[in-house]
Amino acid sequence: MAHRFEHRVLKYSYGWKGFDYSQMEADLAELGAEGWEAVGTIVPSVGAGQTIEIGLIVKRASG
């Protein structure tokens, strides 16, 4: 039987004081308690390599 997974992408935008890493940690801790696991990131850049958004990819077994 093949494994099945659910996936989500959490998006965080660059704010006045930069990225809110504390919020990212809190979100990951909460999702981890629900069985989600961080598996990757998406970090697009614009202009001269400036990052304005971070996407965290999470997955968990479904079913």
PDB file of N, CA and C in Angstrom:
ATOM      1  N   MET A   1       0.836  -1.180   0.000  1.00  0.00           N
ATOM      2  CA  MET A   1       0.000   0.000   0.000  1.00  0.00           C
ATOM      3  C   MET A   1       0.890   1.255   0.000  1.00  0.00           C
ATOM      4  N   ALA A   2       0.542   2.213  -0.809  1.00  0.00           N
ATOM      5  CA  ALA A   2       1.321   3.451  -0.903  1.00  0.00           C
ATOM      6  C   ALA A   2       0.997   4.377   0.268  1.00  0.00           C
ATOM      7  N   HIS A   3       2.000   5.082   0.722  1.00  0.00           N
ATOM      8  CA  HIS A   3       1.794   6.072   1.776  1.00  0.00           C
ATOM      9  C   HIS A   3       1.101   7.289   1.175  1.00  0.00           C
ATOM     10  N   ARG A   4       0.219   7.887   1.921  1.00  0.00           N
ATOM     11  CA  ARG A   4      -0.473   9.096   1.477  1.00  0.00           C
ATOM     12  C   ARG A   4      -0.180  10.210   2.475  1.00  0.00           C
ATOM     13  N   PHE A   5       0.021  11.394   1.942  1.00  0.00           N
ATOM     14  CA  PHE A   5       0.357  12.543   2.780  1.00  0.00           C
ATOM     15  C   PHE A   5      -0.509  13.744   2.439  1.00  0.00           C
ATOM     16  N   GLU A   6      -0.726  14.572   3.433  1.00  0.00           N
ATOM     17  CA  GLU A   6      -1.309  15.901   3.245  1.00  0.00           C
ATOM     18  C   GLU A   6      -0.150  16.882   3.250  1.00  0.00           C
ATOM     19  N   HIS A   7      -0.261  17.955   2.505  1.00  0.00           N
ATOM     20  CA  HIS A   7       0.780  18.989   2.475  1.00  0.00           C
ATOM     21  C   HIS A   7       0.155  20.362   2.675  1.00  0.00           C
ATOM     22  N   ARG A   8       0.901  21.245   3.269  1.00  0.00           N
ATOM     23  CA  ARG A   8       0.497  22.644   3.436  1.00  0.00           C
ATOM     24  C   ARG A   8       1.715  23.519   3.222  1.00  0.00           C
ATOM     25  N   VAL A   9       1.475  24.750   2.795  1.00  0.00           N
ATOM     26  CA  VAL A   9       2.535  25.747   2.692  1.00  0.00           C
ATOM     27  C   VAL A   9       2.145  26.911   3.595  1.00  0.00           C
ATOM     28  N   LEU A  10       3.005  27.215   4.558  1.00  0.00           N
ATOM     29  CA  LEU A  10       2.798  28.353   5.460  1.00  0.00           C
ATOM     30  C   LEU A  10       3.583  29.523   4.888  1.00  0.00           C
ATOM     31  N   LYS A  11       2.936  30.668   4.716  1.00  0.00           N
ATOM     32  CA  LYS A  11       3.602  31.828   4.116  1.00  0.00           C
ATOM     33  C   LYS A  11       3.853  32.907   5.161  1.00  0.00           C
ATOM     34  N   TYR A  12       5.059  33.452   5.130  1.00  0.00           N
ATOM     35  CA  TYR A  12       5.445  34.525   6.041  1.00  0.00           C
ATOM     36  C   TYR A  12       6.063  35.643   5.216  1.00  0.00           C
ATOM     37  N   SER A  13       5.543  36.848   5.394  1.00  0.00           N
ATOM     38  CA  SER A  13       6.030  38.006   4.644  1.00  0.00           C
ATOM     39  C   SER A  13       7.028  38.803   5.468  1.00  0.00           C
ATOM     40  N   TYR A  14       7.920  39.456   4.773  1.00  0.00           N
ATOM     41  CA  TYR A  14       8.898  40.329   5.401  1.00  0.00           C
ATOM     42  C   TYR A  14       8.174  41.549   5.944  1.00  0.00           C
ATOM     43  N   GLY A  15       8.308  41.811   7.230  1.00  0.00           N
ATOM     44  CA  GLY A  15       7.621  42.933   7.861  1.00  0.00           C
ATOM     45  C   GLY A  15       8.566  44.073   8.192  1.00  0.00           C
ATOM     46  N   TRP A  16       8.062  45.021   8.899  1.00  0.00           N
ATOM     47  CA  TRP A  16       8.823  46.209   9.279  1.00  0.00           C
ATOM     48  C   TRP A  16      10.112  45.839  10.015  1.00  0.00           C
ATOM     49  N   LYS A  17      10.035  44.809  10.866  1.00  0.00           N
ATOM     50  CA  LYS A  17      11.206  44.387  11.652  1.00  0.00           C
ATOM     51  C   LYS A  17      11.817  43.091  11.118  1.00  0.00           C
ATOM     52  N   GLY A  18      11.540  42.760   9.867  1.00  0.00           N
ATOM     53  CA  GLY A  18      12.070  41.529   9.279  1.00  0.00           C
ATOM     54  C   GLY A  18      11.054  40.403   9.381  1.00  0.00           C
ATOM     55  N   PHE A  19      11.539  39.189   9.337  1.00  0.00           N
ATOM     56  CA  PHE A  19      10.663  38.027   9.458  1.00  0.00           C
ATOM     57  C   PHE A  19      10.393  37.735  10.922  1.00  0.00           C
ATOM     58  N   ASP A  20       9.191  37.295  11.219  1.00  0.00           N
ATOM     59  CA  ASP A  20       8.796  36.983  12.588  1.00  0.00           C
ATOM     60  C   ASP A  20       9.130  35.515  12.878  1.00  0.00           C
ATOM     61  N   TYR A  21      10.390  35.258  13.200  1.00  0.00           N
ATOM     62  CA  TYR A  21      10.840  33.888  13.434  1.00  0.00           C
ATOM     63  C   TYR A  21      10.173  33.277  14.663  1.00  0.00           C
ATOM     64  N   SER A  22       9.833  34.072  15.639  1.00  0.00           N
ATOM     65  CA  SER A  22       9.136  33.553  16.821  1.00  0.00           C
ATOM     66  C   SER A  22       7.776  32.987  16.423  1.00  0.00           C
ATOM     67  N   GLN A  23       7.089  33.678  15.519  1.00  0.00           N
ATOM     68  CA  GLN A  23       5.793  33.188  15.051  1.00  0.00           C
ATOM     69  C   GLN A  23       5.954  31.901  14.251  1.00  0.00           C
ATOM     70  N   MET A  24       6.994  31.844  13.434  1.00  0.00           N
ATOM     71  CA  MET A  24       7.259  30.619  12.665  1.00  0.00           C
ATOM     72  C   MET A  24       7.476  29.442  13.607  1.00  0.00           C
ATOM     73  N   GLU A  25       8.291  29.653  14.654  1.00  0.00           N
ATOM     74  CA  GLU A  25       8.554  28.587  15.625  1.00  0.00           C
ATOM     75  C   GLU A  25       7.282  28.162  16.335  1.00  0.00           C
ATOM     76  N   ALA A  26       6.462  29.120  16.716  1.00  0.00           N
ATOM     77  CA  ALA A  26       5.205  28.802  17.403  1.00  0.00           C
ATOM     78  C   ALA A  26       4.278  28.012  16.482  1.00  0.00           C
ATOM     79  N   ASP A  27       4.181  28.426  15.227  1.00  0.00           N
ATOM     80  CA  ASP A  27       3.329  27.711  14.270  1.00  0.00           C
ATOM     81  C   ASP A  27       3.834  26.290  14.046  1.00  0.00           C
ATOM     82  N   LEU A  28       5.152  26.138  13.891  1.00  0.00           N
ATOM     83  CA  LEU A  28       5.713  24.803  13.679  1.00  0.00           C
ATOM     84  C   LEU A  28       5.528  23.916  14.908  1.00  0.00           C
ATOM     85  N   ALA A  29       5.655  24.470  16.100  1.00  0.00           N
ATOM     86  CA  ALA A  29       5.442  23.694  17.325  1.00  0.00           C
ATOM     87  C   ALA A  29       3.992  23.225  17.411  1.00  0.00           C
ATOM     88  N   GLU A  30       3.063  24.114  17.098  1.00  0.00           N
ATOM     89  CA  GLU A  30       1.637  23.770  17.137  1.00  0.00           C
ATOM     90  C   GLU A  30       1.315  22.687  16.101  1.00  0.00           C
ATOM     91  N   LEU A  31       1.803  22.883  14.884  1.00  0.00           N
ATOM     92  CA  LEU A  31       1.540  21.896  13.834  1.00  0.00           C
ATOM     93  C   LEU A  31       2.247  20.577  14.121  1.00  0.00           C
ATOM     94  N   GLY A  32       3.444  20.634  14.701  1.00  0.00           N
ATOM     95  CA  GLY A  32       4.158  19.420  15.072  1.00  0.00           C
ATOM     96  C   GLY A  32       3.362  18.582  16.057  1.00  0.00           C
ATOM     97  N   ALA A  33       2.693  19.239  16.989  1.00  0.00           N
ATOM     98  CA  ALA A  33       1.859  18.535  17.958  1.00  0.00           C
ATOM     99  C   ALA A  33       0.669  17.855  17.281  1.00  0.00           C
ATOM    100  N   GLU A  34       0.299  18.341  16.085  1.00  0.00           N
ATOM    101  CA  GLU A  34      -0.806  17.766  15.318  1.00  0.00           C
ATOM    102  C   GLU A  34      -0.310  16.746  14.284  1.00  0.00           C
ATOM    103  N   GLY A  35       0.997  16.439  14.321  1.00  0.00           N
ATOM    104  CA  GLY A  35       1.529  15.424  13.431  1.00  0.00           C
ATOM    105  C   GLY A  35       2.169  15.944  12.151  1.00  0.00           C
ATOM    106  N   TRP A  36       2.232  17.271  11.987  1.00  0.00           N
ATOM    107  CA  TRP A  36       2.851  17.848  10.797  1.00  0.00           C
ATOM    108  C   TRP A  36       4.361  17.894  10.972  1.00  0.00           C
ATOM    109  N   GLU A  37       5.096  17.759   9.867  1.00  0.00           N
ATOM    110  CA  GLU A  37       6.551  17.788   9.869  1.00  0.00           C
ATOM    111  C   GLU A  37       7.025  18.756   8.788  1.00  0.00           C
ATOM    112  N   ALA A  38       7.959  19.640   9.145  1.00  0.00           N
ATOM    113  CA  ALA A  38       8.540  20.553   8.157  1.00  0.00           C
ATOM    114  C   ALA A  38       9.430  19.748   7.226  1.00  0.00           C
ATOM    115  N   VAL A  39       9.242  19.939   5.908  1.00  0.00           N
ATOM    116  CA  VAL A  39      10.022  19.167   4.938  1.00  0.00           C
ATOM    117  C   VAL A  39      10.751  20.041   3.923  1.00  0.00           C
ATOM    118  N   GLY A  40      10.492  21.340   3.918  1.00  0.00           N
ATOM    119  CA  GLY A  40      11.187  22.185   2.957  1.00  0.00           C
ATOM    120  C   GLY A  40      10.797  23.646   3.082  1.00  0.00           C
ATOM    121  N   THR A  41      11.456  24.449   2.291  1.00  0.00           N
ATOM    122  CA  THR A  41      11.179  25.883   2.256  1.00  0.00           C
ATOM    123  C   THR A  41      11.101  26.357   0.817  1.00  0.00           C
ATOM    124  N   ILE A  42      10.398  27.462   0.641  1.00  0.00           N
ATOM    125  CA  ILE A  42      10.353  28.182  -0.621  1.00  0.00           C
ATOM    126  C   ILE A  42      10.767  29.603  -0.276  1.00  0.00           C
ATOM    127  N   VAL A  43      11.818  30.087  -0.899  1.00  0.00           N
ATOM    128  CA  VAL A  43      12.322  31.425  -0.586  1.00  0.00           C
ATOM    129  C   VAL A  43      12.541  32.183  -1.900  1.00  0.00           C
ATOM    130  N   PRO A  44      11.447  32.703  -2.473  1.00  0.00           N
ATOM    131  CA  PRO A  44      11.607  33.456  -3.716  1.00  0.00           C
ATOM    132  C   PRO A  44      12.313  34.783  -3.456  1.00  0.00           C
ATOM    133  N   SER A  45      13.027  35.274  -4.426  1.00  0.00           N
ATOM    134  CA  SER A  45      13.684  36.573  -4.273  1.00  0.00           C
ATOM    135  C   SER A  45      13.292  37.466  -5.450  1.00  0.00           C
ATOM    136  N   VAL A  46      13.371  38.756  -5.209  1.00  0.00           N
ATOM    137  CA  VAL A  46      13.050  39.755  -6.228  1.00  0.00           C
ATOM    138  C   VAL A  46      14.187  40.761  -6.299  1.00  0.00           C
ATOM    139  N   GLY A  47      14.240  41.498  -7.370  1.00  0.00           N
ATOM    140  CA  GLY A  47      15.251  42.545  -7.474  1.00  0.00           C
ATOM    141  C   GLY A  47      16.652  41.991  -7.352  1.00  0.00           C
ATOM    142  N   ALA A  48      17.436  42.581  -6.497  1.00  0.00           N
ATOM    143  CA  ALA A  48      18.839  42.192  -6.308  1.00  0.00           C
ATOM    144  C   ALA A  48      18.957  41.094  -5.257  1.00  0.00           C
ATOM    145  N   GLY A  49      18.101  40.089  -5.346  1.00  0.00           N
ATOM    146  CA  GLY A  49      18.163  38.965  -4.421  1.00  0.00           C
ATOM    147  C   GLY A  49      17.467  39.178  -3.105  1.00  0.00           C
ATOM    148  N   GLN A  50      16.627  40.198  -3.004  1.00  0.00           N
ATOM    149  CA  GLN A  50      15.916  40.480  -1.759  1.00  0.00           C
ATOM    150  C   GLN A  50      14.778  39.482  -1.571  1.00  0.00           C
ATOM    151  N   THR A  51      14.703  38.873  -0.406  1.00  0.00           N
ATOM    152  CA  THR A  51      13.635  37.937  -0.072  1.00  0.00           C
ATOM    153  C   THR A  51      12.526  38.691   0.629  1.00  0.00           C
ATOM    154  N   ILE A  52      11.289  38.562   0.114  1.00  0.00           N
ATOM    155  CA  ILE A  52      10.162  39.263   0.720  1.00  0.00           C
ATOM    156  C   ILE A  52       9.146  38.300   1.325  1.00  0.00           C
ATOM    157  N   GLU A  53       9.359  36.998   1.103  1.00  0.00           N
ATOM    158  CA  GLU A  53       8.425  36.008   1.620  1.00  0.00           C
ATOM    159  C   GLU A  53       9.162  34.688   1.815  1.00  0.00           C
ATOM    160  N   ILE A  54       8.752  33.961   2.850  1.00  0.00           N
ATOM    161  CA  ILE A  54       9.256  32.623   3.098  1.00  0.00           C
ATOM    162  C   ILE A  54       8.052  31.686   3.130  1.00  0.00           C
ATOM    163  N   GLY A  55       8.170  30.576   2.444  1.00  0.00           N
ATOM    164  CA  GLY A  55       7.146  29.536   2.518  1.00  0.00           C
ATOM    165  C   GLY A  55       7.739  28.312   3.197  1.00  0.00           C
ATOM    166  N   LEU A  56       7.061  27.811   4.205  1.00  0.00           N
ATOM    167  CA  LEU A  56       7.489  26.588   4.887  1.00  0.00           C
ATOM    168  C   LEU A  56       6.561  25.468   4.453  1.00  0.00           C
ATOM    169  N   ILE A  57       7.115  24.393   3.956  1.00  0.00           N
ATOM    170  CA  ILE A  57       6.323  23.260   3.485  1.00  0.00           C
ATOM    171  C   ILE A  57       6.261  22.228   4.606  1.00  0.00           C
ATOM    172  N   VAL A  58       5.051  21.800   4.940  1.00  0.00           N
ATOM    173  CA  VAL A  58       4.872  20.789   5.981  1.00  0.00           C
ATOM    174  C   VAL A  58       4.029  19.644   5.430  1.00  0.00           C
ATOM    175  N   LYS A  59       4.219  18.456   6.003  1.00  0.00           N
ATOM    176  CA  LYS A  59       3.415  17.304   5.582  1.00  0.00           C
ATOM    177  C   LYS A  59       3.098  16.444   6.791  1.00  0.00           C
ATOM    178  N   ARG A  60       2.063  15.630   6.636  1.00  0.00           N
ATOM    179  CA  ARG A  60       1.739  14.608   7.632  1.00  0.00           C
ATOM    180  C   ARG A  60       1.028  13.473   6.916  1.00  0.00           C
ATOM    181  N   ALA A  61       1.102  12.316   7.516  1.00  0.00           N
ATOM    182  CA  ALA A  61       0.430  11.157   6.944  1.00  0.00           C
ATOM    183  C   ALA A  61      -1.075  11.376   7.006  1.00  0.00           C
ATOM    184  N   SER A  62      -1.773  11.016   5.951  1.00  0.00           N
ATOM    185  CA  SER A  62      -3.234  11.155   5.943  1.00  0.00           C
ATOM    186  C   SER A  62      -3.885   9.796   6.057  1.00  0.00           C
ATOM    187  N   GLY A  63      -5.129   9.843   6.421  1.00  0.00           N
ATOM    188  CA  GLY A  63      -5.912   8.622   6.443  1.00  0.00           C
ATOM    189  C   GLY A  63      -5.951   7.984   7.754  1.00  0.00           C
TER     190      GLY A  63
END
